[in-house]
């Protein structure tokens, strides 16, 4: 059975089985080629804070990223860091899109199966960074990530940045507070939802 395998994996499995009957396969004297004749369609459902929720008919070769692209991706409220792939009523994988968007790493780009559900929850912690960084904007952080991680997501400091202090504005229950965080605290300081960070210039 080759259900769920890639062409490469299926070829390797078929070759391993057939080598017993055709020993020349192992030496290369006999060649084995596996081709895919027809590609069936599967149905996946995308729910939550997504631009166009609903059920999509996609190729059985489609991946999670293909389905997200087809649906328009997360809304402004949707999380990019904890997208859930649900199969047989169980969450089998939690996908962090930052690995792909920031580094091009596609380890979370898993293959889909019929009746899979992709759920995009709302974000938990989103902070803004402005001033002397290369990519000012809003970034979603995990609970374990620090101010140093935010700086990395923002592309690092610009050429004239003053790197010694970050000004962090927090929204409390009744008022705003502004804190100066020194550079030696960047890798230990965790931010809260709706915080804003500003880096000045020299």
Protein backbone atom coordinates (compact mmCIF):
# COMPACT_ATOMS: atom_id res chain seq x y z
CA UNK A 1 0.00 0.00 0.00
CA UNK A 2 1.33 3.42 -0.96
CA UNK A 3 -1.55 5.55 0.32
CA UNK A 4 -0.28 8.88 1.66
CA UNK A 5 3.27 8.42 0.37
CA UNK A 6 5.10 10.79 -1.95
CA UNK A 7 6.16 9.54 -5.41
CA UNK A 8 9.74 9.17 -4.13
CA UNK A 9 8.64 7.18 -1.07
CA UNK A 10 6.31 4.98 -3.14
CA UNK A 11 9.06 4.32 -5.69
CA UNK A 12 11.48 3.30 -2.93
CA UNK A 13 8.90 0.96 -1.37
CA UNK A 14 7.95 -0.67 -4.68
CA UNK A 15 11.61 -1.06 -5.62
CA UNK A 16 12.38 -2.71 -2.27
CA UNK A 17 9.57 -5.25 -2.80
CA UNK A 18 10.44 -5.97 -6.44
CA UNK A 19 14.18 -6.37 -5.86
CA UNK A 20 13.43 -9.84 -4.48
CA UNK A 21 12.04 -10.90 -7.87
CA UNK A 22 14.37 -8.73 -9.97
CA UNK A 23 17.83 -8.68 -8.32
CA UNK A 24 19.20 -6.54 -11.19
CA UNK A 25 17.24 -3.58 -9.77
CA UNK A 26 19.77 -3.22 -6.95
CA UNK A 27 22.72 -3.13 -9.36
CA UNK A 28 21.02 -0.69 -11.74
CA UNK A 29 20.95 -3.08 -14.72
CA UNK A 30 17.15 -3.07 -14.52
CA UNK A 31 15.31 0.22 -14.13
CA UNK A 32 12.05 0.94 -12.30
CA UNK A 33 9.89 3.98 -13.04
CA UNK A 34 6.71 4.93 -11.18
CA UNK A 35 4.30 7.44 -12.71
CA UNK A 36 1.13 8.93 -11.28
CA UNK A 37 -1.73 8.42 -13.74
CA UNK A 38 -4.58 10.43 -12.20
CA UNK A 39 -4.78 12.77 -9.24
CA UNK A 40 -7.96 12.52 -7.18
CA UNK A 41 -9.63 15.45 -5.43
CA UNK A 42 -10.15 15.81 -1.69
CA UNK A 43 -12.30 18.14 0.40
CA UNK A 44 -10.87 20.24 3.24
CA UNK A 45 -12.69 22.69 5.49
CA UNK A 46 -11.14 25.95 6.66
CA UNK A 47 -12.74 27.64 9.67
CA UNK A 48 -12.01 30.44 12.13
CA UNK A 49 -10.56 33.85 11.39
CA UNK A 50 -9.85 33.26 7.71
CA UNK A 51 -10.62 35.58 4.80
CA UNK A 52 -12.97 33.10 3.07
CA UNK A 53 -14.02 30.23 5.35
CA UNK A 54 -15.68 27.17 3.84
CA UNK A 55 -15.13 23.76 2.27
CA UNK A 56 -12.62 23.58 -0.58
CA UNK A 57 -12.07 20.90 -3.19
CA UNK A 58 -8.33 20.57 -3.79
CA UNK A 59 -5.92 18.11 -5.36
CA UNK A 60 -4.85 15.19 -3.18
CA UNK A 61 -1.28 16.49 -3.67
CA UNK A 62 -2.16 19.82 -2.02
CA UNK A 63 -0.45 20.98 1.15
CA UNK A 64 -1.67 23.11 4.03
CA UNK A 65 -0.03 26.21 2.54
CA UNK A 66 -1.86 25.63 -0.78
CA UNK A 67 -5.22 25.55 1.04
CA UNK A 68 -4.39 28.66 3.08
CA UNK A 69 -3.47 30.53 -0.09
CA UNK A 70 -6.71 29.46 -1.76
CA UNK A 71 -8.77 30.69 1.22
CA UNK A 72 -7.09 34.10 1.35
CA UNK A 73 -5.21 33.36 4.57
CA UNK A 74 -5.86 34.63 8.11
CA UNK A 75 -7.79 37.86 8.70
CA UNK A 76 -6.29 40.72 10.73
CA UNK A 77 -7.60 39.02 13.89
CA UNK A 78 -6.33 35.58 12.87
CA UNK A 79 -3.23 33.97 14.30
CA UNK A 80 -0.20 33.26 12.13
CA UNK A 81 1.55 31.33 14.89
CA UNK A 82 -0.87 28.56 15.90
CA UNK A 83 -2.87 27.34 12.90
CA UNK A 84 -4.37 23.94 13.71
CA UNK A 85 -4.63 20.98 11.35
CA UNK A 86 -7.43 18.72 12.63
CA UNK A 87 -7.77 15.15 11.38
CA UNK A 88 -10.32 12.63 12.69
CA UNK A 89 -11.34 15.15 15.39
CA UNK A 90 -7.78 15.44 16.73
CA UNK A 91 -5.30 18.29 16.35
CA UNK A 92 -2.39 16.55 14.62
CA UNK A 93 -0.23 19.62 13.99
CA UNK A 94 0.02 23.26 15.08
CA UNK A 95 1.59 25.33 12.33
CA UNK A 96 3.72 28.45 12.85
CA UNK A 97 3.72 30.47 9.62
CA UNK A 98 6.57 32.70 10.86
CA UNK A 99 9.02 29.84 10.16
CA UNK A 100 8.05 30.13 6.50
CA UNK A 101 7.46 33.89 6.24
CA UNK A 102 10.66 34.83 8.05
CA UNK A 103 13.04 32.00 7.10
CA UNK A 104 11.46 30.15 4.16
CA UNK A 105 11.38 26.91 6.18
CA UNK A 106 8.51 24.64 5.07
CA UNK A 107 8.69 21.85 7.66
CA UNK A 108 5.10 22.67 8.73
CA UNK A 109 3.79 22.50 5.14
CA UNK A 110 2.19 19.07 5.57
CA UNK A 111 0.15 17.16 3.00
CA UNK A 112 -3.62 17.24 3.36
CA UNK A 113 -6.06 14.33 3.44
CA UNK A 114 -9.74 14.08 2.66
CA UNK A 115 -12.00 15.69 5.32
CA UNK A 116 -9.13 17.54 7.04
CA UNK A 117 -10.09 20.70 8.94
CA UNK A 118 -7.83 23.75 9.17
CA UNK A 119 -8.69 26.10 12.04
CA UNK A 120 -7.29 29.61 12.40
CA UNK A 121 -7.84 30.93 15.95
CA UNK A 122 -7.61 34.58 17.00
CA UNK A 123 -4.17 35.88 17.98
CA UNK A 124 -3.16 35.97 21.66
CA UNK A 125 -0.27 38.44 21.84
CA UNK A 126 0.39 41.05 19.19
CA UNK A 127 2.77 43.97 19.69
CA UNK A 128 3.94 46.83 17.52
CA UNK A 129 7.49 48.07 16.98
CA UNK A 130 8.43 51.41 15.48
CA UNK A 131 11.38 53.73 15.13
CA UNK A 132 14.89 52.64 14.18
CA UNK A 133 14.21 49.07 13.03
CA UNK A 134 14.28 47.78 9.46
CA UNK A 135 10.68 46.47 9.36
CA UNK A 136 8.41 48.46 11.68
CA UNK A 137 4.97 46.91 12.14
CA UNK A 138 2.78 44.59 14.19
CA UNK A 139 4.13 41.16 15.14
CA UNK A 140 2.54 38.19 16.88
CA UNK A 141 4.60 36.69 19.68
CA UNK A 142 4.46 33.37 21.48
CA UNK A 143 4.37 33.36 25.29
CA UNK A 144 8.01 32.23 25.46
CA UNK A 145 9.35 34.92 23.12
CA UNK A 146 11.11 38.06 24.26
CA UNK A 147 11.99 41.56 23.11
CA UNK A 148 15.04 40.10 21.34
CA UNK A 149 12.75 37.89 19.23
CA UNK A 150 10.67 40.94 18.30
CA UNK A 151 13.81 42.76 17.14
CA UNK A 152 14.74 39.76 14.97
CA UNK A 153 11.25 39.64 13.43
CA UNK A 154 11.54 43.36 12.67
CA UNK A 155 14.72 42.69 10.68
CA UNK A 156 17.10 44.07 13.31
CA UNK A 157 18.16 47.64 13.97
CA UNK A 158 18.55 50.29 11.29
CA UNK A 159 21.97 51.88 10.76
CA UNK A 160 21.50 54.85 13.09
CA UNK A 161 19.53 53.06 15.83
CA UNK A 162 20.29 53.70 19.48
CA UNK A 163 20.45 50.10 20.68
CA UNK A 164 20.89 50.76 24.40
CA UNK A 165 17.25 51.33 25.38
CA UNK A 166 13.79 50.30 24.18
CA UNK A 167 10.81 52.43 25.16
CA UNK A 168 7.89 50.09 25.91
CA UNK A 169 4.38 51.50 26.23
CA UNK A 170 1.88 49.24 27.99
CA UNK A 171 -1.87 49.62 28.35
CA UNK A 172 -3.03 48.86 31.88
CA UNK A 173 -6.57 48.60 33.22
CA UNK A 174 -6.84 52.34 33.83
CA UNK A 175 -3.81 53.98 32.29
CA UNK A 176 -0.82 53.73 29.99
CA UNK A 177 2.69 53.28 31.33
CA UNK A 178 6.03 53.85 29.62
CA UNK A 179 9.12 51.88 30.59
CA UNK A 180 12.74 52.11 29.51
CA UNK A 181 14.15 48.60 28.99
CA UNK A 182 17.94 48.40 28.85
CA UNK A 183 19.74 46.25 26.25
CA UNK A 184 20.89 43.68 28.82
CA UNK A 185 17.22 42.86 29.47
CA UNK A 186 16.15 42.39 25.83
CA UNK A 187 16.53 38.59 25.88
CA UNK A 188 14.61 38.28 29.17
CA UNK A 189 11.85 40.84 28.82
CA UNK A 190 8.49 39.37 27.69
CA UNK A 191 5.92 41.66 26.16
CA UNK A 192 2.15 41.73 26.74
CA UNK A 193 -0.64 42.02 24.20
CA UNK A 194 -1.07 45.56 22.77
CA UNK A 195 2.40 46.68 23.93
CA UNK A 196 4.22 49.07 21.64
CA UNK A 197 8.00 49.33 21.42
CA UNK A 198 9.99 52.29 20.12
CA UNK A 199 13.70 52.51 19.33
CA UNK A 200 15.24 55.95 18.95
CA UNK A 201 18.10 57.04 16.75
CA UNK A 202 21.58 58.18 17.72
